[in-house]
Amino acid sequence: MWGWYSACLTGCMTQPIAGRTFLIDDTAVLLGVSRRTVYYWIAAGRLATVRTLGGSQRVLLTSIERVLREERGLPPLDSLEN
């Protein structure tokens, strides 16, 4: 019904978020860093995650985009909408 999982982020969400999150390994490949670095960035708050019902973490696409934009010196997407 909701795909593979639903997640909780600031309270339980009622809609699935599949398709907008990435596995830790995939995030590491996208960012060109190690898995350990991804975990460090999660702990530091640089990457936002959600937990699946099974307890695994998934990294939000929006936080990956934000990190990539920061590293390339591009303005945040929010500033482009105004």
C-alpha atoms as a PDB file:
ATOM      1  CA  MET A   1       0.000   0.000   0.000  1.00  0.00           C
ATOM      2  CA  TRP A   2       2.733   2.532   0.916  1.00  0.00           C
ATOM      3  CA  GLY A   3       5.621   0.916  -0.900  1.00  0.00           C
ATOM      4  CA  TRP A   4       8.513  -0.461   1.071  1.00  0.00           C
ATOM      5  CA  TYR A   5       8.269   1.743   4.082  1.00  0.00           C
ATOM      6  CA  SER A   6       6.885   4.784   5.751  1.00  0.00           C
ATOM      7  CA  ALA A   7       8.968   6.990   7.971  1.00  0.00           C
ATOM      8  CA  CYS A   8       8.886   9.341  10.931  1.00  0.00           C
ATOM      9  CA  LEU A   9      10.378  12.804  10.683  1.00  0.00           C
ATOM     10  CA  THR A  10       9.172  15.365  13.194  1.00  0.00           C
ATOM     11  CA  GLY A  11       6.250  13.162  14.038  1.00  0.00           C
ATOM     12  CA  CYS A  12       4.973  10.315  11.954  1.00  0.00           C
ATOM     13  CA  MET A  13       4.301  11.112   8.350  1.00  0.00           C
ATOM     14  CA  THR A  14       1.111   9.770   6.818  1.00  0.00           C
ATOM     15  CA  GLN A  15       2.495   9.598   3.289  1.00  0.00           C
ATOM     16  CA  PRO A  16       5.316   7.388   2.001  1.00  0.00           C
ATOM     17  CA  ILE A  17       8.560   9.051   1.030  1.00  0.00           C
ATOM     18  CA  ALA A  18       9.956   6.332  -1.242  1.00  0.00           C
ATOM     19  CA  GLY A  19      11.726   7.856  -4.219  1.00  0.00           C
ATOM     20  CA  ARG A  20      12.924  10.871  -2.259  1.00  0.00           C
ATOM     21  CA  THR A  21      15.499   9.076  -0.140  1.00  0.00           C
ATOM     22  CA  PHE A  22      18.730   7.168  -0.738  1.00  0.00           C
ATOM     23  CA  LEU A  23      20.531   4.317   0.970  1.00  0.00           C
ATOM     24  CA  ILE A  24      23.711   5.196   2.863  1.00  0.00           C
ATOM     25  CA  ASP A  25      25.861   3.425   0.245  1.00  0.00           C
ATOM     26  CA  ASP A  26      24.164   5.257  -2.631  1.00  0.00           C
ATOM     27  CA  THR A  27      24.554   8.570  -0.834  1.00  0.00           C
ATOM     28  CA  ALA A  28      28.280   7.926  -0.407  1.00  0.00           C
ATOM     29  CA  VAL A  29      28.641   7.257  -4.141  1.00  0.00           C
ATOM     30  CA  LEU A  30      26.633  10.360  -5.096  1.00  0.00           C
ATOM     31  CA  LEU A  31      28.719  12.578  -2.809  1.00  0.00           C
ATOM     32  CA  GLY A  32      32.045  10.897  -3.605  1.00  0.00           C
ATOM     33  CA  VAL A  33      32.790  10.101   0.030  1.00  0.00           C
ATOM     34  CA  SER A  34      33.021   6.988   2.202  1.00  0.00           C
ATOM     35  CA  ARG A  35      30.116   5.436   4.086  1.00  0.00           C
ATOM     36  CA  ARG A  36      31.812   6.506   7.320  1.00  0.00           C
ATOM     37  CA  THR A  37      31.818  10.142   6.154  1.00  0.00           C
ATOM     38  CA  VAL A  38      28.098   9.900   5.403  1.00  0.00           C
ATOM     39  CA  TYR A  39      27.506   8.655   8.958  1.00  0.00           C
ATOM     40  CA  TYR A  40      29.664  11.483  10.358  1.00  0.00           C
ATOM     41  CA  TRP A  41      27.688  14.028   8.346  1.00  0.00           C
ATOM     42  CA  ILE A  42      24.422  12.531   9.591  1.00  0.00           C
ATOM     43  CA  ALA A  43      25.638  12.768  13.205  1.00  0.00           C
ATOM     44  CA  ALA A  44      26.767  16.372  12.625  1.00  0.00           C
ATOM     45  CA  GLY A  45      23.395  17.296  11.131  1.00  0.00           C
ATOM     46  CA  ARG A  46      24.773  17.988   7.665  1.00  0.00           C
ATOM     47  CA  LEU A  47      22.617  15.221   6.132  1.00  0.00           C
ATOM     48  CA  ALA A  48      19.008  14.633   7.143  1.00  0.00           C
ATOM     49  CA  THR A  49      17.655  11.099   7.398  1.00  0.00           C
ATOM     50  CA  VAL A  50      14.510   9.190   8.128  1.00  0.00           C
ATOM     51  CA  ARG A  51      14.235   5.758   9.677  1.00  0.00           C
ATOM     52  CA  THR A  52      12.352   2.937   8.033  1.00  0.00           C
ATOM     53  CA  LEU A  53      10.034   0.713  10.008  1.00  0.00           C
ATOM     54  CA  GLY A  54      12.890  -1.794  10.129  1.00  0.00           C
ATOM     55  CA  GLY A  55      15.213   0.797  11.675  1.00  0.00           C
ATOM     56  CA  SER A  56      17.427   1.508   8.654  1.00  0.00           C
ATOM     57  CA  GLN A  57      18.333   5.084   7.797  1.00  0.00           C
ATOM     58  CA  ARG A  58      17.602   6.698   4.455  1.00  0.00           C
ATOM     59  CA  VAL A  59      19.126  10.042   3.455  1.00  0.00           C
ATOM     60  CA  LEU A  60      16.728  12.692   2.178  1.00  0.00           C
ATOM     61  CA  LEU A  61      17.345  13.820  -1.383  1.00  0.00           C
ATOM     62  CA  THR A  62      16.921  17.451  -0.345  1.00  0.00           C
ATOM     63  CA  SER A  63      19.841  17.209   2.083  1.00  0.00           C
ATOM     64  CA  ILE A  64      22.037  15.574  -0.585  1.00  0.00           C
ATOM     65  CA  GLU A  65      21.166  18.395  -2.992  1.00  0.00           C
ATOM     66  CA  ARG A  66      21.977  20.987  -0.309  1.00  0.00           C
ATOM     67  CA  VAL A  67      25.413  19.459   0.367  1.00  0.00           C
ATOM     68  CA  LEU A  68      26.219  19.286  -3.356  1.00  0.00           C
ATOM     69  CA  ARG A  69      25.194  22.921  -3.839  1.00  0.00           C
ATOM     70  CA  GLU A  70      27.294  24.016  -0.833  1.00  0.00           C
ATOM     71  CA  GLU A  71      30.346  22.177  -2.130  1.00  0.00           C
ATOM     72  CA  ARG A  72      30.002  23.796  -5.546  1.00  0.00           C
ATOM     73  CA  GLY A  73      29.428  27.267  -4.134  1.00  0.00           C
ATOM     74  CA  LEU A  74      25.905  27.512  -5.558  1.00  0.00           C
ATOM     75  CA  PRO A  75      23.107  29.354  -3.754  1.00  0.00           C
ATOM     76  CA  PRO A  76      20.473  27.316  -1.908  1.00  0.00           C
ATOM     77  CA  LEU A  77      17.440  26.352  -3.971  1.00  0.00           C
ATOM     78  CA  ASP A  78      15.228  28.383  -1.633  1.00  0.00           C
ATOM     79  CA  SER A  79      16.957  31.617  -2.671  1.00  0.00           C
ATOM     80  CA  LEU A  80      16.284  30.904  -6.345  1.00  0.00           C
ATOM     81  CA  GLU A  81      12.506  30.746  -5.878  1.00  0.00           C
ATOM     82  CA  ASN A  82      12.217  34.422  -4.861  1.00  0.00           C
END
